[in-house]
Amino acid sequence: MHSFLSQLELQVFFLLDWEDEVVDIREQFPLFPQETTKEICQALGLKHPQEPKAETEMVMTQTLSLPFKTDQSMPAPTGLHSK
Protein backbone atom coordinates (compact mmCIF):
# COMPACT_ATOMS: atom_id res chain seq x y z
CA MET A 1 0.00 0.00 0.00
CA HIS A 2 1.27 3.47 -0.88
CA SER A 3 0.13 6.86 0.31
CA PHE A 4 1.09 10.13 -1.33
CA LEU A 5 0.89 13.74 -0.20
CA SER A 6 0.27 15.22 -3.65
CA GLN A 7 -0.88 14.41 -7.15
CA LEU A 8 2.65 15.04 -8.42
CA GLU A 9 4.07 12.38 -6.09
CA LEU A 10 1.43 9.94 -7.36
CA GLN A 11 2.24 10.73 -10.99
CA VAL A 12 5.99 10.32 -10.42
CA PHE A 13 5.28 7.00 -8.70
CA PHE A 14 3.28 5.75 -11.71
CA LEU A 15 6.13 6.69 -14.06
CA LEU A 16 8.81 5.04 -11.93
CA ASP A 17 6.72 1.93 -11.28
CA TRP A 18 7.19 1.00 -14.96
CA GLU A 19 10.99 1.38 -14.87
CA ASP A 20 12.69 -2.02 -14.96
CA GLU A 21 15.78 -0.67 -13.17
CA VAL A 22 13.81 0.47 -10.09
CA VAL A 23 13.98 -2.26 -7.44
CA ASP A 24 11.60 -0.68 -4.90
CA ILE A 25 9.75 2.59 -4.31
CA ARG A 26 9.39 3.92 -0.78
CA GLU A 27 7.57 7.15 -0.08
CA GLN A 28 8.26 9.65 2.73
CA PHE A 29 11.47 7.82 3.58
CA PRO A 30 13.06 9.14 6.81
CA LEU A 31 16.47 10.79 6.70
CA PHE A 32 18.64 9.32 9.44
CA PRO A 33 20.57 9.80 11.57
CA GLN A 34 18.73 12.87 12.80
CA GLU A 35 22.00 14.27 14.16
CA THR A 36 23.19 14.56 10.55
CA THR A 37 20.11 16.54 9.45
CA LYS A 38 20.67 18.87 12.44
CA GLU A 39 24.29 19.42 11.38
CA ILE A 40 23.24 20.17 7.80
CA CYS A 41 20.65 22.70 8.99
CA GLN A 42 23.20 24.33 11.27
CA ALA A 43 25.80 24.54 8.48
CA LEU A 44 23.25 26.22 6.22
CA GLY A 45 22.08 28.60 8.93
CA LEU A 46 18.62 27.04 9.06
CA LYS A 47 16.51 25.99 12.01
CA HIS A 48 15.80 22.25 12.12
CA PRO A 49 12.04 21.65 11.57
CA GLN A 50 10.00 21.28 14.77
CA GLU A 51 6.45 20.28 15.65
CA PRO A 52 4.81 23.66 16.32
CA LYS A 53 2.79 22.74 19.41
CA ALA A 54 5.05 20.14 21.04
CA GLU A 55 8.30 21.92 20.09
CA THR A 56 9.97 18.59 19.40
CA GLU A 57 12.20 18.11 16.39
CA MET A 58 10.60 16.52 13.36
CA VAL A 59 12.06 13.61 11.44
CA MET A 60 12.89 14.91 7.99
CA THR A 61 11.92 12.78 5.00
CA GLN A 62 12.60 12.56 1.28
CA THR A 63 9.62 12.17 -1.01
CA LEU A 64 10.73 8.92 -2.67
CA SER A 65 13.58 6.50 -2.06
CA LEU A 66 14.45 4.49 -5.17
CA PRO A 67 16.99 1.68 -5.14
CA PHE A 68 18.06 1.02 -8.75
CA LYS A 69 19.47 -2.19 -10.19
CA THR A 70 23.21 -2.08 -10.80
CA ASP A 71 25.89 -4.39 -12.15
CA GLN A 72 26.96 -4.96 -8.56
CA SER A 73 25.15 -7.13 -6.01
CA MET A 74 23.67 -4.22 -4.02
CA PRO A 75 21.09 -1.80 -5.50
CA ALA A 76 22.19 1.84 -5.79
CA PRO A 77 20.02 4.04 -3.50
CA THR A 78 18.62 7.23 -5.00
CA GLY A 79 16.42 9.87 -3.42
CA LEU A 80 13.83 12.01 -5.18
CA HIS A 81 12.00 15.04 -3.88
CA SER A 82 8.95 16.43 -5.65
CA LYS A 83 6.57 19.22 -4.71
C-alpha atoms as a PDB file:
ATOM      1  CA  MET A   1       0.000   0.000   0.000  1.00  0.00           C
ATOM      2  CA  HIS A   2       1.268   3.466  -0.882  1.00  0.00           C
ATOM      3  CA  SER A   3       0.130   6.864   0.312  1.00  0.00           C
ATOM      4  CA  PHE A   4       1.088  10.134  -1.333  1.00  0.00           C
ATOM      5  CA  LEU A   5       0.892  13.740  -0.195  1.00  0.00           C
ATOM      6  CA  SER A   6       0.274  15.225  -3.649  1.00  0.00           C
ATOM      7  CA  GLN A   7      -0.878  14.412  -7.152  1.00  0.00           C
ATOM      8  CA  LEU A   8       2.653  15.041  -8.423  1.00  0.00           C
ATOM      9  CA  GLU A   9       4.069  12.379  -6.095  1.00  0.00           C
ATOM     10  CA  LEU A  10       1.434   9.944  -7.361  1.00  0.00           C
ATOM     11  CA  GLN A  11       2.244  10.731 -10.994  1.00  0.00           C
ATOM     12  CA  VAL A  12       5.991  10.321 -10.423  1.00  0.00           C
ATOM     13  CA  PHE A  13       5.281   6.997  -8.703  1.00  0.00           C
ATOM     14  CA  PHE A  14       3.277   5.751 -11.710  1.00  0.00           C
ATOM     15  CA  LEU A  15       6.132   6.689 -14.063  1.00  0.00           C
ATOM     16  CA  LEU A  16       8.805   5.040 -11.930  1.00  0.00           C
ATOM     17  CA  ASP A  17       6.718   1.927 -11.285  1.00  0.00           C
ATOM     18  CA  TRP A  18       7.186   1.001 -14.956  1.00  0.00           C
ATOM     19  CA  GLU A  19      10.986   1.379 -14.867  1.00  0.00           C
ATOM     20  CA  ASP A  20      12.688  -2.023 -14.962  1.00  0.00           C
ATOM     21  CA  GLU A  21      15.777  -0.675 -13.168  1.00  0.00           C
ATOM     22  CA  VAL A  22      13.809   0.467 -10.095  1.00  0.00           C
ATOM     23  CA  VAL A  23      13.976  -2.261  -7.438  1.00  0.00           C
ATOM     24  CA  ASP A  24      11.598  -0.682  -4.899  1.00  0.00           C
ATOM     25  CA  ILE A  25       9.752   2.588  -4.311  1.00  0.00           C
ATOM     26  CA  ARG A  26       9.393   3.925  -0.780  1.00  0.00           C
ATOM     27  CA  GLU A  27       7.567   7.146  -0.075  1.00  0.00           C
ATOM     28  CA  GLN A  28       8.260   9.647   2.730  1.00  0.00           C
ATOM     29  CA  PHE A  29      11.469   7.820   3.581  1.00  0.00           C
ATOM     30  CA  PRO A  30      13.055   9.145   6.814  1.00  0.00           C
ATOM     31  CA  LEU A  31      16.474  10.786   6.703  1.00  0.00           C
ATOM     32  CA  PHE A  32      18.637   9.315   9.441  1.00  0.00           C
ATOM     33  CA  PRO A  33      20.566   9.795  11.570  1.00  0.00           C
ATOM     34  CA  GLN A  34      18.730  12.870  12.800  1.00  0.00           C
ATOM     35  CA  GLU A  35      21.996  14.274  14.156  1.00  0.00           C
ATOM     36  CA  THR A  36      23.190  14.559  10.547  1.00  0.00           C
ATOM     37  CA  THR A  37      20.112  16.540   9.451  1.00  0.00           C
ATOM     38  CA  LYS A  38      20.667  18.870  12.436  1.00  0.00           C
ATOM     39  CA  GLU A  39      24.293  19.417  11.384  1.00  0.00           C
ATOM     40  CA  ILE A  40      23.244  20.173   7.795  1.00  0.00           C
ATOM     41  CA  CYS A  41      20.654  22.698   8.985  1.00  0.00           C
ATOM     42  CA  GLN A  42      23.202  24.333  11.271  1.00  0.00           C
ATOM     43  CA  ALA A  43      25.803  24.538   8.480  1.00  0.00           C
ATOM     44  CA  LEU A  44      23.246  26.222   6.219  1.00  0.00           C
ATOM     45  CA  GLY A  45      22.080  28.598   8.930  1.00  0.00           C
ATOM     46  CA  LEU A  46      18.624  27.036   9.063  1.00  0.00           C
ATOM     47  CA  LYS A  47      16.506  25.995  12.011  1.00  0.00           C
ATOM     48  CA  HIS A  48      15.796  22.252  12.117  1.00  0.00           C
ATOM     49  CA  PRO A  49      12.036  21.654  11.567  1.00  0.00           C
ATOM     50  CA  GLN A  50       9.995  21.284  14.769  1.00  0.00           C
ATOM     51  CA  GLU A  51       6.448  20.277  15.648  1.00  0.00           C
ATOM     52  CA  PRO A  52       4.812  23.656  16.319  1.00  0.00           C
ATOM     53  CA  LYS A  53       2.791  22.738  19.409  1.00  0.00           C
ATOM     54  CA  ALA A  54       5.048  20.138  21.039  1.00  0.00           C
ATOM     55  CA  GLU A  55       8.297  21.925  20.094  1.00  0.00           C
ATOM     56  CA  THR A  56       9.966  18.586  19.396  1.00  0.00           C
ATOM     57  CA  GLU A  57      12.205  18.109  16.390  1.00  0.00           C
ATOM     58  CA  MET A  58      10.603  16.518  13.362  1.00  0.00           C
ATOM     59  CA  VAL A  59      12.056  13.605  11.440  1.00  0.00           C
ATOM     60  CA  MET A  60      12.890  14.914   7.986  1.00  0.00           C
ATOM     61  CA  THR A  61      11.917  12.784   4.998  1.00  0.00           C
ATOM     62  CA  GLN A  62      12.598  12.558   1.284  1.00  0.00           C
ATOM     63  CA  THR A  63       9.621  12.172  -1.012  1.00  0.00           C
ATOM     64  CA  LEU A  64      10.725   8.916  -2.665  1.00  0.00           C
ATOM     65  CA  SER A  65      13.579   6.495  -2.059  1.00  0.00           C
ATOM     66  CA  LEU A  66      14.449   4.494  -5.171  1.00  0.00           C
ATOM     67  CA  PRO A  67      16.987   1.683  -5.138  1.00  0.00           C
ATOM     68  CA  PHE A  68      18.060   1.021  -8.749  1.00  0.00           C
ATOM     69  CA  LYS A  69      19.474  -2.190 -10.186  1.00  0.00           C
ATOM     70  CA  THR A  70      23.212  -2.076 -10.799  1.00  0.00           C
ATOM     71  CA  ASP A  71      25.888  -4.387 -12.147  1.00  0.00           C
ATOM     72  CA  GLN A  72      26.956  -4.963  -8.556  1.00  0.00           C
ATOM     73  CA  SER A  73      25.146  -7.131  -6.008  1.00  0.00           C
ATOM     74  CA  MET A  74      23.665  -4.218  -4.016  1.00  0.00           C
ATOM     75  CA  PRO A  75      21.091  -1.796  -5.496  1.00  0.00           C
ATOM     76  CA  ALA A  76      22.187   1.838  -5.789  1.00  0.00           C
ATOM     77  CA  PRO A  77      20.017   4.036  -3.502  1.00  0.00           C
ATOM     78  CA  THR A  78      18.617   7.232  -4.996  1.00  0.00           C
ATOM     79  CA  GLY A  79      16.420   9.873  -3.419  1.00  0.00           C
ATOM     80  CA  LEU A  80      13.833  12.008  -5.178  1.00  0.00           C
ATOM     81  CA  HIS A  81      11.996  15.042  -3.875  1.00  0.00           C
ATOM     82  CA  SER A  82       8.947  16.428  -5.651  1.00  0.00           C
ATOM     83  CA  LYS A  83       6.568  19.223  -4.711  1.00  0.00           C
END
